[in-house]
Amino acid sequence: MRGSKVAILEWMRKHPWITSKIAFEKFGITRLSARIKELRDKGYDIETIMVETTTRFGETSRYARYVLRGEPNEEGYKDKGD
């Protein structure tokens, strides 16, 4: 795995979630959703939670919050603690 995916995984293992804002500010990652897809393809169980917020202009906006729910086991299957 290359650097940006490793940085994302390390963050998600220590923190409850990651957003594109966090990924950009901490690691300079501009395409978080693409890195999340790559991690999912490797067997990581990552949930997407859509969060609604109000912008400084009073408009409603949504963004994705990604939560690591499980990691692949040695066979590559998701481990959900079962």
Protein backbone atom coordinates (compact mmCIF):
# COMPACT_ATOMS: atom_id res chain seq x y z
CA MET A 1 0.00 0.00 0.00
CA ARG A 2 1.23 3.46 -0.82
CA GLY A 3 1.63 6.41 1.53
CA SER A 4 -1.76 8.13 1.39
CA LYS A 5 -3.73 4.95 2.09
CA VAL A 6 -1.42 4.11 4.99
CA ALA A 7 -1.89 7.62 6.41
CA ILE A 8 -5.67 7.29 6.14
CA LEU A 9 -5.68 3.87 7.82
CA GLU A 10 -3.46 5.02 10.67
CA TRP A 11 -5.74 8.02 11.25
CA MET A 12 -8.91 5.90 11.15
CA ARG A 13 -7.48 3.37 13.61
CA LYS A 14 -6.84 6.17 16.15
CA HIS A 15 -9.79 8.51 15.51
CA PRO A 16 -13.54 7.94 15.19
CA TRP A 17 -13.76 9.19 11.58
CA ILE A 18 -12.10 11.03 8.72
CA THR A 19 -13.48 13.62 6.32
CA SER A 20 -12.07 15.16 3.16
CA LYS A 21 -11.27 18.33 5.14
CA ILE A 22 -9.20 16.36 7.67
CA ALA A 23 -7.48 14.38 4.89
CA PHE A 24 -6.52 17.58 3.08
CA GLU A 25 -5.39 19.49 6.17
CA LYS A 26 -3.37 16.63 7.72
CA PHE A 27 -2.04 14.77 4.68
CA GLY A 28 -2.64 16.90 1.57
CA ILE A 29 -5.01 14.25 0.19
CA THR A 30 -7.50 15.80 -2.23
CA ARG A 31 -9.32 12.66 -3.40
CA LEU A 32 -10.27 10.92 -0.17
CA SER A 33 -13.24 9.08 -1.70
CA ALA A 34 -10.91 7.42 -4.24
CA ARG A 35 -8.54 6.27 -1.48
CA ILE A 36 -11.52 4.97 0.54
CA LYS A 37 -12.69 2.94 -2.49
CA GLU A 38 -9.21 1.44 -2.86
CA LEU A 39 -9.23 0.46 0.82
CA ARG A 40 -12.70 -1.08 0.45
CA ASP A 41 -11.46 -3.03 -2.57
CA LYS A 42 -8.72 -4.46 -0.33
CA GLY A 43 -11.35 -5.69 2.14
CA TYR A 44 -11.61 -2.86 4.67
CA ASP A 45 -15.14 -2.29 5.97
CA ILE A 46 -15.59 1.48 5.84
CA GLU A 47 -18.97 3.06 6.43
CA THR A 48 -19.98 6.34 4.79
CA ILE A 49 -22.10 8.64 6.94
CA MET A 50 -23.54 11.67 5.19
CA VAL A 51 -23.57 14.73 7.46
CA GLU A 52 -25.74 17.76 6.81
CA THR A 53 -24.46 21.18 7.82
CA THR A 54 -25.20 24.84 7.22
CA THR A 55 -22.67 26.87 5.27
CA ARG A 56 -21.54 30.35 6.23
CA PHE A 57 -24.04 31.58 3.62
CA GLY A 58 -26.94 29.87 5.40
CA GLU A 59 -27.31 27.13 2.81
CA THR A 60 -27.53 23.42 3.56
CA SER A 61 -24.57 21.32 2.49
CA ARG A 62 -23.62 17.66 2.90
CA TYR A 63 -20.28 15.94 3.30
CA ALA A 64 -19.11 12.36 3.86
CA ARG A 65 -17.67 11.12 7.13
CA TYR A 66 -15.87 7.77 6.80
CA VAL A 67 -15.74 5.30 9.70
CA LEU A 68 -13.55 2.18 9.82
CA ARG A 69 -15.78 -0.72 10.96
CA GLY A 70 -13.54 -3.71 10.23
CA GLU A 71 -10.29 -4.85 8.68
CA PRO A 72 -9.61 -7.74 6.31
CA ASN A 73 -8.43 -10.97 7.90
CA GLU A 74 -5.73 -13.22 6.46
CA GLU A 75 -8.15 -14.60 3.80
CA GLY A 76 -9.07 -11.07 2.71
CA TYR A 77 -12.58 -11.15 4.14
CA LYS A 78 -13.99 -8.41 6.29
CA ASP A 79 -13.79 -8.95 10.04
CA LYS A 80 -16.85 -7.47 11.72
CA GLY A 81 -16.06 -9.00 15.10
CA ASP A 82 -18.28 -12.07 14.56
